[in-house]
Structures are given as C-alpha cells and as structure tokens.
Amino acid sequence: MEIEKTNRMNALFEFYATLLTEKQMNYMELYYADDFSLGEIAEEYQVSRQAVYDNIKRTEKILEDYERKLHLLSDYIVREEQLDKLEAYVTDHYPKDEFLATAIQGLQDLDE
C-alpha cells in the first residue's frame, strides 16, 4: 500500500468519519490507521476477506465523494498554506508586532 494513499485516506477519515457507518469506521481505522491486513480484519469480524476488501474500497470511494462535494480537506490544506505564508511574512517584516502574532496564533488555534 502506498504511503500517499494511506496518508490521504487517514486525512479524509479525520474529516468525514462521523458520516460513515460504524462498520465502515472500524474497518477503515483498522486497515489504514492500525495497519491491519484484510485477513486480520476478516478474522476479527468473522467475515470473508473479500467482504472486508469490498467494504474498504466502497468506503474509500465514499470518502473521496464527500471530499469532492464538501472540500473540507482541500480547504484545510489551502488555509494552512496561506497561514504559513502570512506567519512567515509577519515574522520577517513585523517581528515585534504583538497584535499580529496573537491574531495569527488565534487563527492557528481554530483548526486544532
């Protein structure tokens, strides 16, 4: 499994997990976050390996569909990039401005 896909699925899962069924959440968490194999998940839930595979593939498509419609992850990434640029600019040009430093910290805290 490629690391980029794993990272993306974990990020999408963070944003959209509450929109999934309990079984979908459990399978995705075990497979992507805990690095369980399909066989291990199948054994845990007493289902076939194929059933786990199908559920995970279907859930991946659901997560991508949510992102395509809602843009929560992509908007978060853009916000983080813009905030990093703003922070660098303020640090370089206004290093002693307490108001700006506090405002930037407040923006960073919103996403935590």
PDB file of N, CA and C in Angstrom:
ATOM      1  N   MET A   1       0.859  -1.179   0.000  1.00  0.00           N
ATOM      2  CA  MET A   1       0.000   0.000   0.000  1.00  0.00           C
ATOM      3  C   MET A   1       0.900   1.236   0.000  1.00  0.00           C
ATOM      4  N   GLU A   2       0.603   2.158  -0.872  1.00  0.00           N
ATOM      5  CA  GLU A   2       1.450   3.333  -0.977  1.00  0.00           C
ATOM      6  C   GLU A   2       1.155   4.335   0.143  1.00  0.00           C
ATOM      7  N   ILE A   3       2.207   4.973   0.606  1.00  0.00           N
ATOM      8  CA  ILE A   3       2.110   5.862   1.763  1.00  0.00           C
ATOM      9  C   ILE A   3       1.237   7.083   1.474  1.00  0.00           C
ATOM     10  N   GLU A   4       1.276   7.603   0.238  1.00  0.00           N
ATOM     11  CA  GLU A   4       0.465   8.778  -0.098  1.00  0.00           C
ATOM     12  C   GLU A   4      -1.026   8.468   0.037  1.00  0.00           C
ATOM     13  N   LYS A   5      -1.411   7.293  -0.453  1.00  0.00           N
ATOM     14  CA  LYS A   5      -2.818   6.915  -0.364  1.00  0.00           C
ATOM     15  C   LYS A   5      -3.225   6.731   1.095  1.00  0.00           C
ATOM     16  N   THR A   6      -2.363   6.092   1.866  1.00  0.00           N
ATOM     17  CA  THR A   6      -2.640   5.892   3.289  1.00  0.00           C
ATOM     18  C   THR A   6      -2.811   7.226   3.994  1.00  0.00           C
ATOM     19  N   ASN A   7      -1.909   8.153   3.727  1.00  0.00           N
ATOM     20  CA  ASN A   7      -2.000   9.476   4.356  1.00  0.00           C
ATOM     21  C   ASN A   7      -3.276  10.200   3.944  1.00  0.00           C
ATOM     22  N   ARG A   8      -3.625  10.109   2.669  1.00  0.00           N
ATOM     23  CA  ARG A   8      -4.849  10.767   2.194  1.00  0.00           C
ATOM     24  C   ARG A   8      -6.079  10.150   2.838  1.00  0.00           C
ATOM     25  N   MET A   9      -6.136   8.835   2.879  1.00  0.00           N
ATOM     26  CA  MET A   9      -7.301   8.163   3.479  1.00  0.00           C
ATOM     27  C   MET A   9      -7.413   8.501   4.963  1.00  0.00           C
ATOM     28  N   ASN A  10      -6.290   8.545   5.650  1.00  0.00           N
ATOM     29  CA  ASN A  10      -6.321   8.922   7.067  1.00  0.00           C
ATOM     30  C   ASN A  10      -6.816  10.359   7.244  1.00  0.00           C
ATOM     31  N   ALA A  11      -6.378  11.260   6.368  1.00  0.00           N
ATOM     32  CA  ALA A  11      -6.820  12.657   6.449  1.00  0.00           C
ATOM     33  C   ALA A  11      -8.312  12.770   6.132  1.00  0.00           C
ATOM     34  N   LEU A  12      -8.751  12.101   5.075  1.00  0.00           N
ATOM     35  CA  LEU A  12     -10.175  12.123   4.736  1.00  0.00           C
ATOM     36  C   LEU A  12     -10.995  11.524   5.870  1.00  0.00           C
ATOM     37  N   PHE A  13     -10.479  10.457   6.450  1.00  0.00           N
ATOM     38  CA  PHE A  13     -11.179   9.800   7.561  1.00  0.00           C
ATOM     39  C   PHE A  13     -11.346  10.764   8.737  1.00  0.00           C
ATOM     40  N   GLU A  14     -10.322  11.554   9.020  1.00  0.00           N
ATOM     41  CA  GLU A  14     -10.421  12.522  10.121  1.00  0.00           C
ATOM     42  C   GLU A  14     -11.565  13.511   9.901  1.00  0.00           C
ATOM     43  N   PHE A  15     -11.739  13.941   8.670  1.00  0.00           N
ATOM     44  CA  PHE A  15     -12.784  14.919   8.377  1.00  0.00           C
ATOM     45  C   PHE A  15     -14.176  14.310   8.278  1.00  0.00           C
ATOM     46  N   TYR A  16     -14.277  13.122   7.738  1.00  0.00           N
ATOM     47  CA  TYR A  16     -15.589  12.584   7.379  1.00  0.00           C
ATOM     48  C   TYR A  16     -15.998  11.321   8.141  1.00  0.00           C
ATOM     49  N   ALA A  17     -15.243  10.889   9.114  1.00  0.00           N
ATOM     50  CA  ALA A  17     -15.527   9.634   9.813  1.00  0.00           C
ATOM     51  C   ALA A  17     -16.946   9.585  10.377  1.00  0.00           C
ATOM     52  N   THR A  18     -17.414  10.689  10.890  1.00  0.00           N
ATOM     53  CA  THR A  18     -18.747  10.687  11.514  1.00  0.00           C
ATOM     54  C   THR A  18     -19.874  10.508  10.503  1.00  0.00           C
ATOM     55  N   LEU A  19     -19.561  10.614   9.212  1.00  0.00           N
ATOM     56  CA  LEU A  19     -20.567  10.405   8.179  1.00  0.00           C
ATOM     57  C   LEU A  19     -20.638   8.943   7.731  1.00  0.00           C
ATOM     58  N   LEU A  20     -19.748   8.121   8.268  1.00  0.00           N
ATOM     59  CA  LEU A  20     -19.687   6.709   7.903  1.00  0.00           C
ATOM     60  C   LEU A  20     -20.465   5.861   8.903  1.00  0.00           C
ATOM     61  N   THR A  21     -20.772   4.641   8.488  1.00  0.00           N
ATOM     62  CA  THR A  21     -21.388   3.698   9.425  1.00  0.00           C
ATOM     63  C   THR A  21     -20.325   3.228  10.404  1.00  0.00           C
ATOM     64  N   GLU A  22     -20.769   2.627  11.479  1.00  0.00           N
ATOM     65  CA  GLU A  22     -19.822   2.128  12.483  1.00  0.00           C
ATOM     66  C   GLU A  22     -18.890   1.082  11.879  1.00  0.00           C
ATOM     67  N   LYS A  23     -19.431   0.192  11.067  1.00  0.00           N
ATOM     68  CA  LYS A  23     -18.608  -0.852  10.442  1.00  0.00           C
ATOM     69  C   LYS A  23     -17.579  -0.222   9.500  1.00  0.00           C
ATOM     70  N   GLN A  24     -17.996   0.744   8.711  1.00  0.00           N
ATOM     71  CA  GLN A  24     -17.060   1.421   7.814  1.00  0.00           C
ATOM     72  C   GLN A  24     -15.948   2.104   8.605  1.00  0.00           C
ATOM     73  N   MET A  25     -16.327   2.772   9.681  1.00  0.00           N
ATOM     74  CA  MET A  25     -15.318   3.435  10.519  1.00  0.00           C
ATOM     75  C   MET A  25     -14.332   2.419  11.083  1.00  0.00           C
ATOM     76  N   ASN A  26     -14.851   1.317  11.601  1.00  0.00           N
ATOM     77  CA  ASN A  26     -13.987   0.305  12.208  1.00  0.00           C
ATOM     78  C   ASN A  26     -13.025  -0.293  11.194  1.00  0.00           C
ATOM     79  N   TYR A  27     -13.539  -0.694  10.041  1.00  0.00           N
ATOM     80  CA  TYR A  27     -12.681  -1.293   9.011  1.00  0.00           C
ATOM     81  C   TYR A  27     -11.608  -0.313   8.556  1.00  0.00           C
ATOM     82  N   MET A  28     -11.998   0.934   8.288  1.00  0.00           N
ATOM     83  CA  MET A  28     -11.034   1.923   7.807  1.00  0.00           C
ATOM     84  C   MET A  28      -9.962   2.222   8.846  1.00  0.00           C
ATOM     85  N   GLU A  29     -10.390   2.337  10.086  1.00  0.00           N
ATOM     86  CA  GLU A  29      -9.419   2.618  11.143  1.00  0.00           C
ATOM     87  C   GLU A  29      -8.437   1.461  11.311  1.00  0.00           C
ATOM     88  N   LEU A  30      -8.964   0.253  11.310  1.00  0.00           N
ATOM     89  CA  LEU A  30      -8.080  -0.905  11.442  1.00  0.00           C
ATOM     90  C   LEU A  30      -7.129  -1.017  10.253  1.00  0.00           C
ATOM     91  N   TYR A  31      -7.646  -0.820   9.055  1.00  0.00           N
ATOM     92  CA  TYR A  31      -6.840  -1.007   7.849  1.00  0.00           C
ATOM     93  C   TYR A  31      -5.827   0.111   7.654  1.00  0.00           C
ATOM     94  N   TYR A  32      -6.266   1.352   7.751  1.00  0.00           N
ATOM     95  CA  TYR A  32      -5.363   2.472   7.456  1.00  0.00           C
ATOM     96  C   TYR A  32      -4.593   2.993   8.665  1.00  0.00           C
ATOM     97  N   ALA A  33      -5.250   3.146   9.790  1.00  0.00           N
ATOM     98  CA  ALA A  33      -4.566   3.728  10.952  1.00  0.00           C
ATOM     99  C   ALA A  33      -3.760   2.677  11.722  1.00  0.00           C
ATOM    100  N   ASP A  34      -4.343   1.481  11.877  1.00  0.00           N
ATOM    101  CA  ASP A  34      -3.690   0.448  12.684  1.00  0.00           C
ATOM    102  C   ASP A  34      -2.915  -0.562  11.857  1.00  0.00           C
ATOM    103  N   ASP A  35      -2.971  -0.437  10.529  1.00  0.00           N
ATOM    104  CA  ASP A  35      -2.206  -1.274   9.600  1.00  0.00           C
ATOM    105  C   ASP A  35      -2.535  -2.770   9.718  1.00  0.00           C
ATOM    106  N   PHE A  36      -3.808  -3.076   9.970  1.00  0.00           N
ATOM    107  CA  PHE A  36      -4.236  -4.471   9.970  1.00  0.00           C
ATOM    108  C   PHE A  36      -4.329  -4.951   8.526  1.00  0.00           C
ATOM    109  N   SER A  37      -4.110  -6.227   8.310  1.00  0.00           N
ATOM    110  CA  SER A  37      -4.305  -6.805   6.981  1.00  0.00           C
ATOM    111  C   SER A  37      -5.786  -7.099   6.782  1.00  0.00           C
ATOM    112  N   LEU A  38      -6.166  -7.339   5.531  1.00  0.00           N
ATOM    113  CA  LEU A  38      -7.551  -7.713   5.248  1.00  0.00           C
ATOM    114  C   LEU A  38      -7.926  -8.990   5.997  1.00  0.00           C
ATOM    115  N   GLY A  39      -7.000  -9.930   6.025  1.00  0.00           N
ATOM    116  CA  GLY A  39      -7.236 -11.196   6.729  1.00  0.00           C
ATOM    117  C   GLY A  39      -7.439 -11.006   8.217  1.00  0.00           C
ATOM    118  N   GLU A  40      -6.659 -10.133   8.816  1.00  0.00           N
ATOM    119  CA  GLU A  40      -6.803  -9.873  10.249  1.00  0.00           C
ATOM    120  C   GLU A  40      -8.152  -9.238  10.573  1.00  0.00           C
ATOM    121  N   ILE A  41      -8.575  -8.315   9.734  1.00  0.00           N
ATOM    122  CA  ILE A  41      -9.878  -7.669   9.944  1.00  0.00           C
ATOM    123  C   ILE A  41     -10.993  -8.689   9.747  1.00  0.00           C
ATOM    124  N   ALA A  42     -10.862  -9.514   8.696  1.00  0.00           N
ATOM    125  CA  ALA A  42     -11.867 -10.545   8.420  1.00  0.00           C
ATOM    126  C   ALA A  42     -11.994 -11.500   9.603  1.00  0.00           C
ATOM    127  N   GLU A  43     -10.881 -11.881  10.160  1.00  0.00           N
ATOM    128  CA  GLU A  43     -10.890 -12.786  11.313  1.00  0.00           C
ATOM    129  C   GLU A  43     -11.542 -12.120  12.528  1.00  0.00           C
ATOM    130  N   GLU A  44     -11.202 -10.866  12.741  1.00  0.00           N
ATOM    131  CA  GLU A  44     -11.754 -10.103  13.872  1.00  0.00           C
ATOM    132  C   GLU A  44     -13.283 -10.011  13.799  1.00  0.00           C
ATOM    133  N   TYR A  45     -13.803  -9.809  12.592  1.00  0.00           N
ATOM    134  CA  TYR A  45     -15.247  -9.610  12.426  1.00  0.00           C
ATOM    135  C   TYR A  45     -15.976 -10.859  11.913  1.00  0.00           C
ATOM    136  N   GLN A  46     -15.226 -11.930  11.751  1.00  0.00           N
ATOM    137  CA  GLN A  46     -15.776 -13.205  11.295  1.00  0.00           C
ATOM    138  C   GLN A  46     -16.546 -13.060   9.980  1.00  0.00           C
ATOM    139  N   VAL A  47     -15.899 -12.411   9.021  1.00  0.00           N
ATOM    140  CA  VAL A  47     -16.434 -12.269   7.669  1.00  0.00           C
ATOM    141  C   VAL A  47     -15.321 -12.672   6.701  1.00  0.00           C
ATOM    142  N   SER A  48     -15.653 -12.730   5.427  1.00  0.00           N
ATOM    143  CA  SER A  48     -14.635 -13.105   4.449  1.00  0.00           C
ATOM    144  C   SER A  48     -13.686 -11.934   4.189  1.00  0.00           C
ATOM    145  N   ARG A  49     -12.505 -12.303   3.728  1.00  0.00           N
ATOM    146  CA  ARG A  49     -11.519 -11.300   3.351  1.00  0.00           C
ATOM    147  C   ARG A  49     -12.079 -10.423   2.225  1.00  0.00           C
ATOM    148  N   GLN A  50     -12.818 -11.046   1.300  1.00  0.00           N
ATOM    149  CA  GLN A  50     -13.426 -10.323   0.181  1.00  0.00           C
ATOM    150  C   GLN A  50     -14.445  -9.297   0.679  1.00  0.00           C
ATOM    151  N   ALA A  51     -15.209  -9.649   1.714  1.00  0.00           N
ATOM    152  CA  ALA A  51     -16.200  -8.717   2.272  1.00  0.00           C
ATOM    153  C   ALA A  51     -15.505  -7.494   2.854  1.00  0.00           C
ATOM    154  N   VAL A  52     -14.395  -7.700   3.534  1.00  0.00           N
ATOM    155  CA  VAL A  52     -13.625  -6.579   4.099  1.00  0.00           C
ATOM    156  C   VAL A  52     -13.076  -5.716   2.970  1.00  0.00           C
ATOM    157  N   TYR A  53     -12.492  -6.362   1.965  1.00  0.00           N
ATOM    158  CA  TYR A  53     -11.931  -5.632   0.814  1.00  0.00           C
ATOM    159  C   TYR A  53     -13.007  -4.781   0.144  1.00  0.00           C
ATOM    160  N   ASP A  54     -14.149  -5.375  -0.132  1.00  0.00           N
ATOM    161  CA  ASP A  54     -15.242  -4.649  -0.791  1.00  0.00           C
ATOM    162  C   ASP A  54     -15.699  -3.454   0.048  1.00  0.00           C
ATOM    163  N   ASN A  55     -15.825  -3.666   1.360  1.00  0.00           N
ATOM    164  CA  ASN A  55     -16.263  -2.596   2.249  1.00  0.00           C
ATOM    165  C   ASN A  55     -15.253  -1.445   2.247  1.00  0.00           C
ATOM    166  N   ILE A  56     -13.974  -1.767   2.314  1.00  0.00           N
ATOM    167  CA  ILE A  56     -12.930  -0.735   2.343  1.00  0.00           C
ATOM    168  C   ILE A  56     -12.909   0.032   1.024  1.00  0.00           C
ATOM    169  N   LYS A  57     -12.976  -0.676  -0.101  1.00  0.00           N
ATOM    170  CA  LYS A  57     -12.969   0.002  -1.408  1.00  0.00           C
ATOM    171  C   LYS A  57     -14.194   0.904  -1.565  1.00  0.00           C
ATOM    172  N   ARG A  58     -15.342   0.421  -1.136  1.00  0.00           N
ATOM    173  CA  ARG A  58     -16.569   1.219  -1.211  1.00  0.00           C
ATOM    174  C   ARG A  58     -16.454   2.452  -0.314  1.00  0.00           C
ATOM    175  N   THR A  59     -15.885   2.282   0.864  1.00  0.00           N
ATOM    176  CA  THR A  59     -15.730   3.394   1.802  1.00  0.00           C
ATOM    177  C   THR A  59     -14.724   4.417   1.292  1.00  0.00           C
ATOM    178  N   GLU A  60     -13.655   3.954   0.640  1.00  0.00           N
ATOM    179  CA  GLU A  60     -12.705   4.888   0.030  1.00  0.00           C
ATOM    180  C   GLU A  60     -13.416   5.779  -0.985  1.00  0.00           C
ATOM    181  N   LYS A  61     -14.252   5.182  -1.804  1.00  0.00           N
ATOM    182  CA  LYS A  61     -14.998   5.958  -2.809  1.00  0.00           C
ATOM    183  C   LYS A  61     -15.955   6.937  -2.139  1.00  0.00           C
ATOM    184  N   ILE A  62     -16.581   6.512  -1.057  1.00  0.00           N
ATOM    185  CA  ILE A  62     -17.490   7.393  -0.317  1.00  0.00           C
ATOM    186  C   ILE A  62     -16.726   8.590   0.238  1.00  0.00           C
ATOM    187  N   LEU A  63     -15.556   8.344   0.832  1.00  0.00           N
ATOM    188  CA  LEU A  63     -14.749   9.433   1.385  1.00  0.00           C
ATOM    189  C   LEU A  63     -14.315  10.407   0.295  1.00  0.00           C
ATOM    190  N   GLU A  64     -13.878   9.875  -0.842  1.00  0.00           N
ATOM    191  CA  GLU A  64     -13.477  10.741  -1.960  1.00  0.00           C
ATOM    192  C   GLU A  64     -14.674  11.538  -2.482  1.00  0.00           C
ATOM    193  N   ASP A  65     -15.843  10.916  -2.489  1.00  0.00           N
ATOM    194  CA  ASP A  65     -17.052  11.607  -2.940  1.00  0.00           C
ATOM    195  C   ASP A  65     -17.411  12.750  -1.977  1.00  0.00           C
ATOM    196  N   TYR A  66     -17.316  12.499  -0.679  1.00  0.00           N
ATOM    197  CA  TYR A  66     -17.561  13.563   0.299  1.00  0.00           C
ATOM    198  C   TYR A  66     -16.595  14.723   0.069  1.00  0.00           C
ATOM    199  N   GLU A  67     -15.333  14.402  -0.156  1.00  0.00           N
ATOM    200  CA  GLU A  67     -14.334  15.454  -0.362  1.00  0.00           C
ATOM    201  C   GLU A  67     -14.627  16.228  -1.644  1.00  0.00           C
ATOM    202  N   ARG A  68     -15.018  15.534  -2.694  1.00  0.00           N
ATOM    203  CA  ARG A  68     -15.337  16.203  -3.953  1.00  0.00           C
ATOM    204  C   ARG A  68     -16.494  17.179  -3.775  1.00  0.00           C
ATOM    205  N   LYS A  69     -17.432  16.832  -2.909  1.00  0.00           N
ATOM    206  CA  LYS A  69     -18.606  17.684  -2.701  1.00  0.00           C
ATOM    207  C   LYS A  69     -18.389  18.760  -1.634  1.00  0.00           C
ATOM    208  N   LEU A  70     -17.664  18.429  -0.578  1.00  0.00           N
ATOM    209  CA  LEU A  70     -17.561  19.334   0.571  1.00  0.00           C
ATOM    210  C   LEU A  70     -16.225  20.077   0.683  1.00  0.00           C
ATOM    211  N   HIS A  71     -15.167  19.539   0.134  1.00  0.00           N
ATOM    212  CA  HIS A  71     -13.848  20.192   0.079  1.00  0.00           C
ATOM    213  C   HIS A  71     -13.232  20.494   1.451  1.00  0.00           C
ATOM    214  N   LEU A  72     -13.581  19.763   2.475  1.00  0.00           N
ATOM    215  CA  LEU A  72     -13.046  20.079   3.799  1.00  0.00           C
ATOM    216  C   LEU A  72     -11.533  19.902   3.873  1.00  0.00           C
ATOM    217  N   LEU A  73     -11.020  18.802   3.341  1.00  0.00           N
ATOM    218  CA  LEU A  73      -9.578  18.563   3.381  1.00  0.00           C
ATOM    219  C   LEU A  73      -8.830  19.557   2.509  1.00  0.00           C
ATOM    220  N   SER A  74      -9.271  19.750   1.279  1.00  0.00           N
ATOM    221  CA  SER A  74      -8.556  20.667   0.386  1.00  0.00           C
ATOM    222  C   SER A  74      -8.597  22.102   0.914  1.00  0.00           C
ATOM    223  N   ASP A  75      -9.733  22.516   1.465  1.00  0.00           N
ATOM    224  CA  ASP A  75      -9.818  23.855   2.050  1.00  0.00           C
ATOM    225  C   ASP A  75      -8.886  23.990   3.249  1.00  0.00           C
ATOM    226  N   TYR A  76      -8.795  22.941   4.039  1.00  0.00           N
ATOM    227  CA  TYR A  76      -7.895  22.945   5.198  1.00  0.00           C
ATOM    228  C   TYR A  76      -6.441  23.106   4.739  1.00  0.00           C
ATOM    229  N   ILE A  77      -6.061  22.370   3.699  1.00  0.00           N
ATOM    230  CA  ILE A  77      -4.685  22.444   3.196  1.00  0.00           C
ATOM    231  C   ILE A  77      -4.378  23.849   2.681  1.00  0.00           C
ATOM    232  N   VAL A  78      -5.291  24.431   1.927  1.00  0.00           N
ATOM    233  CA  VAL A  78      -5.093  25.786   1.401  1.00  0.00           C
ATOM    234  C   VAL A  78      -4.986  26.790   2.545  1.00  0.00           C
ATOM    235  N   ARG A  79      -5.868  26.656   3.548  1.00  0.00           N
ATOM    236  CA  ARG A  79      -5.820  27.557   4.706  1.00  0.00           C
ATOM    237  C   ARG A  79      -4.482  27.456   5.423  1.00  0.00           C
ATOM    238  N   GLU A  80      -3.998  26.236   5.621  1.00  0.00           N
ATOM    239  CA  GLU A  80      -2.711  26.043   6.294  1.00  0.00           C
ATOM    240  C   GLU A  80      -1.572  26.681   5.508  1.00  0.00           C
ATOM    241  N   GLU A  81      -1.578  26.506   4.186  1.00  0.00           N
ATOM    242  CA  GLU A  81      -0.536  27.111   3.347  1.00  0.00           C
ATOM    243  C   GLU A  81      -0.575  28.632   3.434  1.00  0.00           C
ATOM    244  N   GLN A  82      -1.755  29.212   3.362  1.00  0.00           N
ATOM    245  CA  GLN A  82      -1.892  30.665   3.433  1.00  0.00           C
ATOM    246  C   GLN A  82      -1.478  31.189   4.809  1.00  0.00           C
ATOM    247  N   LEU A  83      -1.844  30.470   5.841  1.00  0.00           N
ATOM    248  CA  LEU A  83      -1.474  30.873   7.193  1.00  0.00           C
ATOM    249  C   LEU A  83       0.038  30.804   7.390  1.00  0.00           C
ATOM    250  N   ASP A  84       0.679  29.776   6.818  1.00  0.00           N
ATOM    251  CA  ASP A  84       2.139  29.674   6.899  1.00  0.00           C
ATOM    252  C   ASP A  84       2.808  30.850   6.191  1.00  0.00           C
ATOM    253  N   LYS A  85       2.278  31.226   5.018  1.00  0.00           N
ATOM    254  CA  LYS A  85       2.828  32.376   4.288  1.00  0.00           C
ATOM    255  C   LYS A  85       2.662  33.660   5.103  1.00  0.00           C
ATOM    256  N   LEU A  86       1.488  33.834   5.676  1.00  0.00           N
ATOM    257  CA  LEU A  86       1.217  35.022   6.483  1.00  0.00           C
ATOM    258  C   LEU A  86       2.138  35.074   7.696  1.00  0.00           C
ATOM    259  N   GLU A  87       2.302  33.964   8.347  1.00  0.00           N
ATOM    260  CA  GLU A  87       3.173  33.905   9.523  1.00  0.00           C
ATOM    261  C   GLU A  87       4.621  34.243   9.146  1.00  0.00           C
ATOM    262  N   ALA A  88       5.101  33.698   8.030  1.00  0.00           N
ATOM    263  CA  ALA A  88       6.466  33.987   7.584  1.00  0.00           C
ATOM    264  C   ALA A  88       6.627  35.477   7.254  1.00  0.00           C
ATOM    265  N   TYR A  89       5.628  36.049   6.598  1.00  0.00           N
ATOM    266  CA  TYR A  89       5.677  37.465   6.244  1.00  0.00           C
ATOM    267  C   TYR A  89       5.710  38.344   7.497  1.00  0.00           C
ATOM    268  N   VAL A  90       4.841  38.041   8.429  1.00  0.00           N
ATOM    269  CA  VAL A  90       4.787  38.828   9.669  1.00  0.00           C
ATOM    270  C   VAL A  90       6.087  38.681  10.440  1.00  0.00           C
ATOM    271  N   THR A  91       6.609  37.483  10.502  1.00  0.00           N
ATOM    272  CA  THR A  91       7.867  37.245  11.220  1.00  0.00           C
ATOM    273  C   THR A  91       9.009  38.038  10.588  1.00  0.00           C
ATOM    274  N   ASP A  92       9.042  38.067   9.255  1.00  0.00           N
ATOM    275  CA  ASP A  92      10.117  38.783   8.549  1.00  0.00           C
ATOM    276  C   ASP A  92       9.961  40.297   8.615  1.00  0.00           C
ATOM    277  N   HIS A  93       8.728  40.778   8.508  1.00  0.00           N
ATOM    278  CA  HIS A  93       8.515  42.223   8.376  1.00  0.00           C
ATOM    279  C   HIS A  93       8.017  42.917   9.649  1.00  0.00           C
ATOM    280  N   TYR A  94       7.367  42.200  10.506  1.00  0.00           N
ATOM    281  CA  TYR A  94       6.813  42.786  11.735  1.00  0.00           C
ATOM    282  C   TYR A  94       7.073  41.876  12.936  1.00  0.00           C
ATOM    283  N   PRO A  95       8.337  41.582  13.204  1.00  0.00           N
ATOM    284  CA  PRO A  95       8.654  40.596  14.245  1.00  0.00           C
ATOM    285  C   PRO A  95       8.241  41.007  15.659  1.00  0.00           C
ATOM    286  N   LYS A  96       8.054  42.290  15.916  1.00  0.00           N
ATOM    287  CA  LYS A  96       7.726  42.733  17.271  1.00  0.00           C
ATOM    288  C   LYS A  96       6.259  43.114  17.436  1.00  0.00           C
ATOM    289  N   ASP A  97       5.462  42.873  16.416  1.00  0.00           N
ATOM    290  CA  ASP A  97       4.048  43.247  16.475  1.00  0.00           C
ATOM    291  C   ASP A  97       3.258  42.173  17.220  1.00  0.00           C
ATOM    292  N   GLU A  98       2.946  42.465  18.477  1.00  0.00           N
ATOM    293  CA  GLU A  98       2.229  41.506  19.331  1.00  0.00           C
ATOM    294  C   GLU A  98       0.812  41.228  18.833  1.00  0.00           C
ATOM    295  N   PHE A  99       0.147  42.249  18.307  1.00  0.00           N
ATOM    296  CA  PHE A  99      -1.217  42.077  17.819  1.00  0.00           C
ATOM    297  C   PHE A  99      -1.259  41.053  16.681  1.00  0.00           C
ATOM    298  N   LEU A 100      -0.362  41.218  15.704  1.00  0.00           N
ATOM    299  CA  LEU A 100      -0.333  40.292  14.577  1.00  0.00           C
ATOM    300  C   LEU A 100       0.026  38.877  15.026  1.00  0.00           C
ATOM    301  N   ALA A 101       0.975  38.765  15.932  1.00  0.00           N
ATOM    302  CA  ALA A 101       1.372  37.447  16.437  1.00  0.00           C
ATOM    303  C   ALA A 101       0.200  36.764  17.138  1.00  0.00           C
ATOM    304  N   THR A 102      -0.540  37.520  17.923  1.00  0.00           N
ATOM    305  CA  THR A 102      -1.703  36.980  18.627  1.00  0.00           C
ATOM    306  C   THR A 102      -2.812  36.605  17.647  1.00  0.00           C
ATOM    307  N   ALA A 103      -3.024  37.430  16.637  1.00  0.00           N
ATOM    308  CA  ALA A 103      -4.052  37.153  15.635  1.00  0.00           C
ATOM    309  C   ALA A 103      -3.730  35.872  14.861  1.00  0.00           C
ATOM    310  N   ILE A 104      -2.481  35.704  14.482  1.00  0.00           N
ATOM    311  CA  ILE A 104      -2.065  34.501  13.758  1.00  0.00           C
ATOM    312  C   ILE A 104      -2.228  33.272  14.649  1.00  0.00           C
ATOM    313  N   GLN A 105      -1.843  33.390  15.899  1.00  0.00           N
ATOM    314  CA  GLN A 105      -1.998  32.265  16.823  1.00  0.00           C
ATOM    315  C   GLN A 105      -3.480  31.902  16.980  1.00  0.00           C
ATOM    316  N   GLY A 106      -4.335  32.913  17.033  1.00  0.00           N
ATOM    317  CA  GLY A 106      -5.771  32.665  17.122  1.00  0.00           C
ATOM    318  C   GLY A 106      -6.294  31.905  15.913  1.00  0.00           C
ATOM    319  N   LEU A 107      -5.811  32.256  14.731  1.00  0.00           N
ATOM    320  CA  LEU A 107      -6.201  31.535  13.510  1.00  0.00           C
ATOM    321  C   LEU A 107      -5.706  30.095  13.523  1.00  0.00           C
ATOM    322  N   GLN A 108      -4.482  29.900  13.980  1.00  0.00           N
ATOM    323  CA  GLN A 108      -3.946  28.541  14.065  1.00  0.00           C
ATOM    324  C   GLN A 108      -4.727  27.690  15.055  1.00  0.00           C
ATOM    325  N   ASP A 109      -5.154  28.285  16.132  1.00  0.00           N
ATOM    326  CA  ASP A 109      -5.902  27.541  17.149  1.00  0.00           C
ATOM    327  C   ASP A 109      -7.279  27.097  16.663  1.00  0.00           C
ATOM    328  N   LEU A 110      -7.845  27.785  15.683  1.00  0.00           N
ATOM    329  CA  LEU A 110      -9.154  27.426  15.166  1.00  0.00           C
ATOM    330  C   LEU A 110      -9.171  26.033  14.558  1.00  0.00           C
ATOM    331  N   ASP A 111      -8.090  25.610  13.949  1.00  0.00           N
ATOM    332  CA  ASP A 111      -8.033  24.314  13.283  1.00  0.00           C
ATOM    333  C   ASP A 111      -7.594  23.184  14.204  1.00  0.00           C
ATOM    334  N   GLU A 112      -7.354  23.467  15.440  1.00  0.00           N
ATOM    335  CA  GLU A 112      -6.907  22.406  16.354  1.00  0.00           C
ATOM    336  C   GLU A 112      -8.021  21.871  17.176  1.00  0.00           C
TER     337      GLU A 112
END
